[in-house]
């Protein structure tokens, strides 16, 4: 018989290993949100944000690291030809008798030839290119660059907290947040109340065809959104709701099959003696629902509300289909628009915005986890 303690230890180690794997993307998002843009797509990836300095004319200058030379060469200025005046790095293998081998394009034809150059600096193999950091990513002035030995580069850890404030300048983040909260809060209230009311009818009231209707309700979970989105679009267009937030929260007031099932199972765990005693005392079904069932079902109701809140917070397809005005965009759609409209994606700002979207859900789950776990654990227990 295998050792139970050893088996439990292996299971725990396996779970910890899986947790580490799943947490890696989150760590990468948080780390990237605190990096400068040039460190976001480095290979191998830079996990800890850093800044680099070199001494230039007696001063410490902040720089970006570029390529590392594979062979010795020269920094030279072209003196003749189509590239006259350009300052570039010429490898030793492409330098001959004071001339550098350059690739030149004339009209639609590209060719290589040797052109005279003036040597500015001799570069050794393994030297690192450093580029002076300018005030903005798209500065008009050409930053100064050179090559230095690796030991001349000073490295320090630095977190770029300004990325978070820059998000609010680059996109209407507060507007997107307000729209998302409207959808999440109204939808959570609607789906919690409507699902609880329907679930009470299935769990506590006997009526003809109840079991068949309940089965039919559960079977609707198998219908994908892709099947219903075109008819829904037609309905909402007829109502004049396209371009507003109503299509994203109004359907929640008609319940959801999974939430109805979850609450029905929870209601069945509440002793019937309580509801029977209330009926004997003359309490109506709505009175029983509001005065007995709902107060005793706070854990399950919280779970339903949290489930829908997280779904609405992360929903992308719904806003993409029904929203047409940028003033009504939610966070998920706004983030996608920010990524697609920037030309070259500013990954540090995109990850900063993503971090601000993820953190509220994590904080909410952290404070509500006890109620969340209790609501899920008690659901489905029989009387």
Protein backbone atom coordinates (compact mmCIF):
# COMPACT_ATOMS: atom_id res chain seq x y z
CA UNK A 1 0.00 0.00 0.00
CA UNK A 2 1.58 3.33 -1.01
CA UNK A 3 2.48 5.84 1.65
CA UNK A 4 -0.42 8.32 1.98
CA UNK A 5 1.84 11.16 3.13
CA UNK A 6 4.14 10.62 0.15
CA UNK A 7 1.18 10.59 -2.24
CA UNK A 8 -0.23 13.80 -0.77
CA UNK A 9 3.20 15.42 -1.02
CA UNK A 10 3.47 14.50 -4.70
CA UNK A 11 -0.02 15.84 -5.37
CA UNK A 12 0.79 19.11 -3.64
CA UNK A 13 4.05 19.46 -5.55
CA UNK A 14 2.22 18.82 -8.83
CA UNK A 15 -0.39 21.46 -7.96
CA UNK A 16 2.31 23.96 -7.02
CA UNK A 17 4.11 23.29 -10.32
CA UNK A 18 0.87 23.86 -12.25
CA UNK A 19 0.25 27.08 -10.29
CA UNK A 20 3.70 28.36 -11.21
CA UNK A 21 3.06 27.63 -14.90
CA UNK A 22 -0.27 29.48 -14.82
CA UNK A 23 1.15 32.47 -12.94
CA UNK A 24 4.01 33.05 -15.42
CA UNK A 25 1.85 35.03 -17.94
CA UNK A 26 0.58 37.27 -15.13
CA UNK A 27 4.11 37.91 -13.90
CA UNK A 28 5.18 38.75 -17.45
CA UNK A 29 2.29 41.23 -17.81
CA UNK A 30 3.17 42.95 -14.54
CA UNK A 31 6.90 43.05 -15.36
CA UNK A 32 6.30 44.37 -18.88
CA UNK A 33 3.99 47.09 -17.55
CA UNK A 34 6.99 48.49 -15.64
CA UNK A 35 9.53 48.34 -18.49
CA UNK A 36 10.60 50.91 -21.08
CA UNK A 37 9.35 50.08 -24.56
CA UNK A 38 12.73 48.84 -25.85
CA UNK A 39 12.84 46.05 -23.23
CA UNK A 40 9.37 44.64 -23.93
CA UNK A 41 10.27 42.35 -26.84
CA UNK A 42 13.87 41.40 -26.11
CA UNK A 43 15.09 37.84 -26.64
CA UNK A 44 15.68 36.33 -24.14
CA UNK A 45 12.93 38.22 -22.28
CA UNK A 46 13.82 40.83 -19.66
CA UNK A 47 11.92 39.90 -16.50
CA UNK A 48 13.23 42.69 -14.26
CA UNK A 49 13.00 46.24 -15.67
CA UNK A 50 16.44 47.81 -15.97
CA UNK A 51 18.07 51.02 -17.06
CA UNK A 52 21.58 51.43 -18.50
CA UNK A 53 24.10 54.24 -18.17
CA UNK A 54 27.42 55.09 -19.82
CA UNK A 55 29.85 57.94 -19.20
CA UNK A 56 29.80 60.50 -21.99
CA UNK A 57 31.84 63.69 -21.78
CA UNK A 58 32.21 63.19 -18.03
CA UNK A 59 28.46 62.70 -17.42
CA UNK A 60 26.32 59.63 -16.74
CA UNK A 61 23.99 59.34 -19.73
CA UNK A 62 20.95 57.03 -19.77
CA UNK A 63 21.02 54.83 -22.86
CA UNK A 64 19.32 51.94 -24.60
CA UNK A 65 21.31 48.83 -25.44
CA UNK A 66 21.46 47.84 -29.08
CA UNK A 67 23.32 45.16 -31.01
CA UNK A 68 26.52 43.45 -29.90
CA UNK A 69 29.29 43.33 -32.49
CA UNK A 70 30.30 39.89 -33.71
CA UNK A 71 33.57 41.18 -35.17
CA UNK A 72 35.74 44.28 -34.88
CA UNK A 73 35.07 47.26 -37.10
CA UNK A 74 34.71 51.03 -37.28
CA UNK A 75 32.25 53.82 -36.74
CA UNK A 76 32.65 55.82 -39.95
CA UNK A 77 31.08 58.73 -41.82
CA UNK A 78 30.47 58.30 -45.57
CA UNK A 79 32.18 61.05 -47.60
CA UNK A 80 30.99 60.25 -51.14
CA UNK A 81 28.09 58.59 -52.91
CA UNK A 82 24.30 58.38 -52.29
CA UNK A 83 24.84 57.88 -48.54
CA UNK A 84 27.17 60.83 -48.12
CA UNK A 85 27.12 62.19 -44.56
CA UNK A 86 25.64 59.07 -42.97
CA UNK A 87 27.26 57.77 -39.79
CA UNK A 88 27.30 53.99 -39.56
CA UNK A 89 29.05 50.90 -38.23
CA UNK A 90 31.31 49.11 -40.73
CA UNK A 91 32.52 45.57 -39.87
CA UNK A 92 36.19 44.81 -40.54
CA UNK A 93 35.22 42.34 -43.29
CA UNK A 94 33.41 45.13 -45.22
CA UNK A 95 36.25 47.69 -45.02
CA UNK A 96 39.05 47.95 -47.61
CA UNK A 97 41.60 50.67 -48.31
CA UNK A 98 39.63 53.46 -46.65
CA UNK A 99 36.37 52.41 -48.28
CA UNK A 100 33.29 50.63 -46.88
CA UNK A 101 31.06 48.15 -48.67
CA UNK A 102 27.58 49.73 -48.70
CA UNK A 103 24.25 48.60 -50.03
CA UNK A 104 22.69 51.36 -52.13
CA UNK A 105 19.26 51.56 -53.73
CA UNK A 106 18.78 53.62 -56.89
CA UNK A 107 15.21 53.70 -58.21
CA UNK A 108 14.04 50.08 -58.08
CA UNK A 109 17.54 48.57 -58.20
CA UNK A 110 19.72 47.63 -55.21
CA UNK A 111 23.46 47.09 -55.53
CA UNK A 112 26.61 47.01 -53.37
CA UNK A 113 29.80 49.03 -53.88
CA UNK A 114 32.72 50.49 -51.94
CA UNK A 115 32.55 54.17 -50.95
CA UNK A 116 35.13 56.35 -49.16
CA UNK A 117 34.57 56.90 -45.45
CA UNK A 118 36.24 58.76 -42.58
CA UNK A 119 36.90 56.57 -39.55
CA UNK A 120 35.54 58.07 -36.34
CA UNK A 121 36.18 55.24 -33.86
CA UNK A 122 37.71 51.76 -33.85
CA UNK A 123 35.33 49.14 -32.45
CA UNK A 124 36.33 45.81 -30.91
CA UNK A 125 34.49 42.49 -31.15
CA UNK A 126 31.86 42.01 -28.45
CA UNK A 127 31.27 45.73 -27.94
CA UNK A 128 27.72 46.92 -27.23
CA UNK A 129 25.85 49.58 -29.14
CA UNK A 130 24.35 52.24 -26.84
CA UNK A 131 21.77 54.78 -27.97
CA UNK A 132 21.02 57.93 -26.03
CA UNK A 133 17.51 57.86 -24.58
CA UNK A 134 15.36 60.72 -25.82
CA UNK A 135 12.42 62.32 -24.04
CA UNK A 136 9.83 60.57 -26.19
CA UNK A 137 9.62 57.35 -28.16
CA UNK A 138 9.00 59.18 -31.43
CA UNK A 139 11.40 62.11 -30.95
CA UNK A 140 12.21 64.00 -34.16
CA UNK A 141 15.89 64.49 -33.36
CA UNK A 142 18.26 61.61 -34.12
CA UNK A 143 19.70 60.34 -30.82
CA UNK A 144 23.45 59.96 -30.44
CA UNK A 145 24.79 56.41 -30.61
CA UNK A 146 28.14 54.68 -30.28
CA UNK A 147 29.74 51.37 -29.31
CA UNK A 148 31.43 50.79 -25.96
CA UNK A 149 33.02 47.80 -24.20
CA UNK A 150 30.43 45.90 -22.11
CA UNK A 151 32.20 46.77 -18.84
CA UNK A 152 31.54 50.47 -19.43
CA UNK A 153 27.77 49.95 -19.29
CA UNK A 154 26.30 50.43 -15.80
CA UNK A 155 23.09 48.51 -15.11
CA UNK A 156 20.48 49.42 -12.49
CA UNK A 157 17.02 48.12 -11.64
CA UNK A 158 14.36 50.73 -12.39
CA UNK A 159 10.56 50.45 -12.44
CA UNK A 160 8.82 52.73 -14.94
CA UNK A 161 5.71 53.68 -12.93
CA UNK A 162 5.04 56.47 -15.43
CA UNK A 163 3.68 53.81 -17.80
CA UNK A 164 0.49 53.69 -15.73
CA UNK A 165 -0.11 57.43 -15.88
CA UNK A 166 0.73 57.45 -19.60
CA UNK A 167 -2.18 55.04 -20.22
CA UNK A 168 -4.67 57.75 -19.22
CA UNK A 169 -3.08 60.15 -21.72
CA UNK A 170 -3.07 57.66 -24.59
CA UNK A 171 -6.63 56.35 -24.21
CA UNK A 172 -9.88 57.35 -22.39
CA UNK A 173 -9.34 54.67 -19.76
CA UNK A 174 -11.74 56.20 -17.21
CA UNK A 175 -14.55 56.34 -19.77
CA UNK A 176 -13.99 52.69 -20.67
CA UNK A 177 -13.95 51.79 -16.96
CA UNK A 178 -17.22 53.65 -16.31
CA UNK A 179 -18.95 51.86 -19.21
CA UNK A 180 -17.63 48.49 -18.05
CA UNK A 181 -18.82 49.06 -14.48
CA UNK A 182 -22.30 50.00 -15.74
CA UNK A 183 -22.51 46.78 -17.73
CA UNK A 184 -21.07 44.63 -14.92
CA UNK A 185 -23.12 46.04 -12.04
CA UNK A 186 -26.48 46.20 -13.83
CA UNK A 187 -25.91 42.79 -15.39
CA UNK A 188 -24.89 41.19 -12.08
CA UNK A 189 -27.93 42.61 -10.27
CA UNK A 190 -30.24 41.54 -13.08
CA UNK A 191 -28.94 38.02 -13.52
CA UNK A 192 -28.78 37.37 -9.77
CA UNK A 193 -32.38 38.42 -9.09
CA UNK A 194 -33.95 36.88 -12.21
CA UNK A 195 -32.05 33.60 -11.91
CA UNK A 196 -32.93 33.32 -8.21
CA UNK A 197 -36.62 33.89 -8.93
CA UNK A 198 -36.70 31.25 -11.66
CA UNK A 199 -34.61 28.81 -9.59
CA UNK A 200 -37.06 29.17 -6.67
CA UNK A 201 -39.90 28.25 -9.00
CA UNK A 202 -38.07 25.11 -10.10
CA UNK A 203 -36.90 24.14 -6.60
CA UNK A 204 -39.94 24.83 -4.37
CA UNK A 205 -43.11 25.15 -6.43
CA UNK A 206 -44.83 22.17 -8.06
CA UNK A 207 -46.44 22.94 -11.41
CA UNK A 208 -47.20 20.93 -14.58
CA UNK A 209 -44.23 20.46 -16.90
CA UNK A 210 -41.73 21.77 -14.35
CA UNK A 211 -39.12 19.07 -14.95
CA UNK A 212 -39.46 19.31 -18.73
CA UNK A 213 -39.05 23.09 -18.70
CA UNK A 214 -36.05 22.75 -16.38
CA UNK A 215 -34.44 20.26 -18.79
CA UNK A 216 -35.18 22.59 -21.68
CA UNK A 217 -33.57 25.46 -19.75
CA UNK A 218 -30.42 23.44 -19.14
CA UNK A 219 -30.26 22.37 -22.78
CA UNK A 220 -30.03 26.03 -23.81
CA UNK A 221 -26.50 26.01 -22.33
CA UNK A 222 -25.41 23.95 -25.34
CA UNK A 223 -26.34 26.71 -27.82
CA UNK A 224 -23.20 28.74 -28.62
CA UNK A 225 -23.34 32.53 -28.81
CA UNK A 226 -22.31 32.36 -32.47
CA UNK A 227 -25.73 30.86 -33.27
CA UNK A 228 -27.76 33.51 -31.46
CA UNK A 229 -25.74 36.68 -32.09
CA UNK A 230 -27.29 37.42 -35.52
CA UNK A 231 -30.92 37.08 -34.32
CA UNK A 232 -30.04 39.07 -31.19
CA UNK A 233 -28.51 41.80 -33.31
CA UNK A 234 -31.74 42.00 -35.32
CA UNK A 235 -33.83 42.22 -32.15
CA UNK A 236 -31.65 44.92 -30.58
CA UNK A 237 -31.58 46.86 -33.85
CA UNK A 238 -35.37 46.84 -33.91
CA UNK A 239 -35.35 48.22 -30.36
CA UNK A 240 -32.86 50.93 -31.38
CA UNK A 241 -30.27 49.66 -28.89
CA UNK A 242 -27.31 49.17 -31.27
CA UNK A 243 -24.53 51.54 -30.25
CA UNK A 244 -25.70 51.66 -26.62
CA UNK A 245 -24.80 49.60 -23.55
CA UNK A 246 -28.32 48.10 -23.21
CA UNK A 247 -27.63 44.92 -25.27
CA UNK A 248 -24.80 44.09 -22.85
CA UNK A 249 -26.80 44.24 -19.59
CA UNK A 250 -30.54 44.04 -20.41
CA UNK A 251 -30.53 40.30 -21.37
CA UNK A 252 -29.16 39.50 -17.90
CA UNK A 253 -32.58 40.40 -16.42
CA UNK A 254 -33.99 37.28 -18.10
CA UNK A 255 -31.76 34.85 -16.18
CA UNK A 256 -29.04 32.46 -17.26
CA UNK A 257 -29.33 28.67 -17.45
CA UNK A 258 -26.18 27.86 -15.48
CA UNK A 259 -27.02 30.33 -12.71
CA UNK A 260 -30.57 28.99 -12.49
CA UNK A 261 -29.19 25.48 -12.09
CA UNK A 262 -26.66 26.61 -9.48
CA UNK A 263 -29.27 28.43 -7.37
CA UNK A 264 -31.86 25.67 -7.73
CA UNK A 265 -29.39 23.17 -6.31
CA UNK A 266 -28.61 25.53 -3.44
CA UNK A 267 -32.28 26.19 -2.68
CA UNK A 268 -32.84 22.44 -2.42
CA UNK A 269 -30.36 22.29 0.46
CA UNK A 270 -32.53 24.63 2.57
CA UNK A 271 -34.88 22.56 4.81
CA UNK A 272 -38.48 22.47 3.57
CA UNK A 273 -39.71 22.83 7.15
CA UNK A 274 -38.85 26.53 7.02
CA UNK A 275 -40.90 27.23 3.91
CA UNK A 276 -43.76 24.94 5.03
CA UNK A 277 -43.97 26.75 8.37
CA UNK A 278 -44.10 30.08 6.56
CA UNK A 279 -46.94 28.86 4.35
CA UNK A 280 -48.89 27.68 7.41
CA UNK A 281 -48.47 31.18 8.88
CA UNK A 282 -50.00 32.62 5.71
CA UNK A 283 -46.84 33.84 3.97
CA UNK A 284 -47.09 34.10 0.18
CA UNK A 285 -44.61 32.49 -2.19
CA UNK A 286 -43.02 35.86 -2.89
CA UNK A 287 -42.83 36.51 0.84
CA UNK A 288 -41.06 33.16 1.35
CA UNK A 289 -38.71 33.97 -1.51
CA UNK A 290 -37.74 37.42 -0.22
CA UNK A 291 -37.84 36.80 3.55
CA UNK A 292 -36.47 33.26 3.83
CA UNK A 293 -34.79 31.98 0.68
CA UNK A 294 -32.78 35.04 -0.33
CA UNK A 295 -31.35 35.80 3.16
CA UNK A 296 -30.27 32.16 3.54
CA UNK A 297 -28.74 32.06 0.04
CA UNK A 298 -26.25 34.92 0.28
CA UNK A 299 -23.20 32.69 -0.52
CA UNK A 300 -24.80 31.27 -3.67
CA UNK A 301 -26.14 34.67 -4.75
CA UNK A 302 -22.66 36.15 -4.29
CA UNK A 303 -21.19 33.40 -6.48
CA UNK A 304 -23.72 34.10 -9.24
CA UNK A 305 -23.03 37.82 -9.05
CA UNK A 306 -19.26 37.27 -9.15
CA UNK A 307 -19.51 34.86 -12.06
CA UNK A 308 -21.47 37.35 -14.14
CA UNK A 309 -19.33 40.30 -13.07
CA UNK A 310 -16.17 38.52 -14.24
CA UNK A 311 -17.87 37.41 -17.46
CA UNK A 312 -19.07 40.94 -18.26
CA UNK A 313 -15.73 42.48 -17.25
CA UNK A 314 -13.82 40.25 -19.68
CA UNK A 315 -16.46 40.08 -22.45
CA UNK A 316 -15.07 41.11 -25.82
CA UNK A 317 -17.41 39.65 -28.42
CA UNK A 318 -20.56 41.37 -27.15
CA UNK A 319 -19.09 44.92 -27.15
CA UNK A 320 -17.44 44.25 -30.52
CA UNK A 321 -20.81 43.40 -32.09
CA UNK A 322 -23.17 45.86 -30.43
CA UNK A 323 -21.06 48.98 -29.75
CA UNK A 324 -20.30 51.48 -32.50
CA UNK A 325 -19.34 54.67 -30.63
CA UNK A 326 -15.97 54.99 -28.90
CA UNK A 327 -17.67 56.82 -26.04
CA UNK A 328 -19.50 53.59 -25.15
CA UNK A 329 -16.57 51.17 -25.49
CA UNK A 330 -15.79 48.85 -22.59
CA UNK A 331 -12.30 48.07 -21.33
CA UNK A 332 -11.79 44.91 -23.38
CA UNK A 333 -12.82 46.56 -26.64
CA UNK A 334 -10.98 49.79 -25.83
CA UNK A 335 -7.80 47.85 -25.18
CA UNK A 336 -8.05 46.13 -28.56
CA UNK A 337 -8.64 49.46 -30.30
CA UNK A 338 -5.63 50.96 -28.54
CA UNK A 339 -3.45 48.10 -29.75
CA UNK A 340 -4.64 48.25 -33.35
CA UNK A 341 -4.52 52.04 -33.79
CA UNK A 342 -1.01 52.72 -32.53
CA UNK A 343 0.80 51.48 -35.63
CA UNK A 344 3.73 50.05 -33.69
CA UNK A 345 2.19 48.61 -30.54
CA UNK A 346 3.46 50.24 -27.35
CA UNK A 347 3.57 47.02 -25.38
CA UNK A 348 4.63 48.63 -22.12
CA UNK A 349 1.48 50.79 -22.11
CA UNK A 350 -0.70 47.94 -23.34
CA UNK A 351 0.51 45.73 -20.49
CA UNK A 352 0.04 48.56 -17.97
CA UNK A 353 -3.57 48.91 -19.10
CA UNK A 354 -4.00 45.12 -18.98
CA UNK A 355 -2.64 45.05 -15.43
CA UNK A 356 -5.16 47.69 -14.35
CA UNK A 357 -7.93 45.57 -15.89
CA UNK A 358 -6.80 42.33 -14.24
CA UNK A 359 -6.09 43.63 -10.72
CA UNK A 360 -9.69 44.62 -9.76
CA UNK A 361 -10.90 41.08 -10.46
CA UNK A 362 -8.05 39.59 -8.43
CA UNK A 363 -8.72 41.94 -5.53
CA UNK A 364 -12.44 41.19 -5.66
CA UNK A 365 -11.82 37.45 -5.57
CA UNK A 366 -9.29 37.82 -2.75
CA UNK A 367 -11.82 39.53 -0.48
CA UNK A 368 -14.78 37.39 -1.56
CA UNK A 369 -13.04 34.00 -1.76
CA UNK A 370 -14.49 32.71 1.52
CA UNK A 371 -18.05 33.43 0.38
CA UNK A 372 -17.21 32.18 -3.11
CA UNK A 373 -15.88 28.83 -1.89
CA UNK A 374 -18.74 28.43 0.58
CA UNK A 375 -21.34 29.07 -2.10
CA UNK A 376 -19.81 26.54 -4.49
CA UNK A 377 -19.15 23.92 -1.78
CA UNK A 378 -22.71 23.94 -0.44
CA UNK A 379 -24.35 23.83 -3.86
CA UNK A 380 -25.69 20.40 -4.70
CA UNK A 381 -25.85 18.97 -1.16
CA UNK A 382 -29.03 17.02 -0.62
CA UNK A 383 -31.36 17.43 2.30
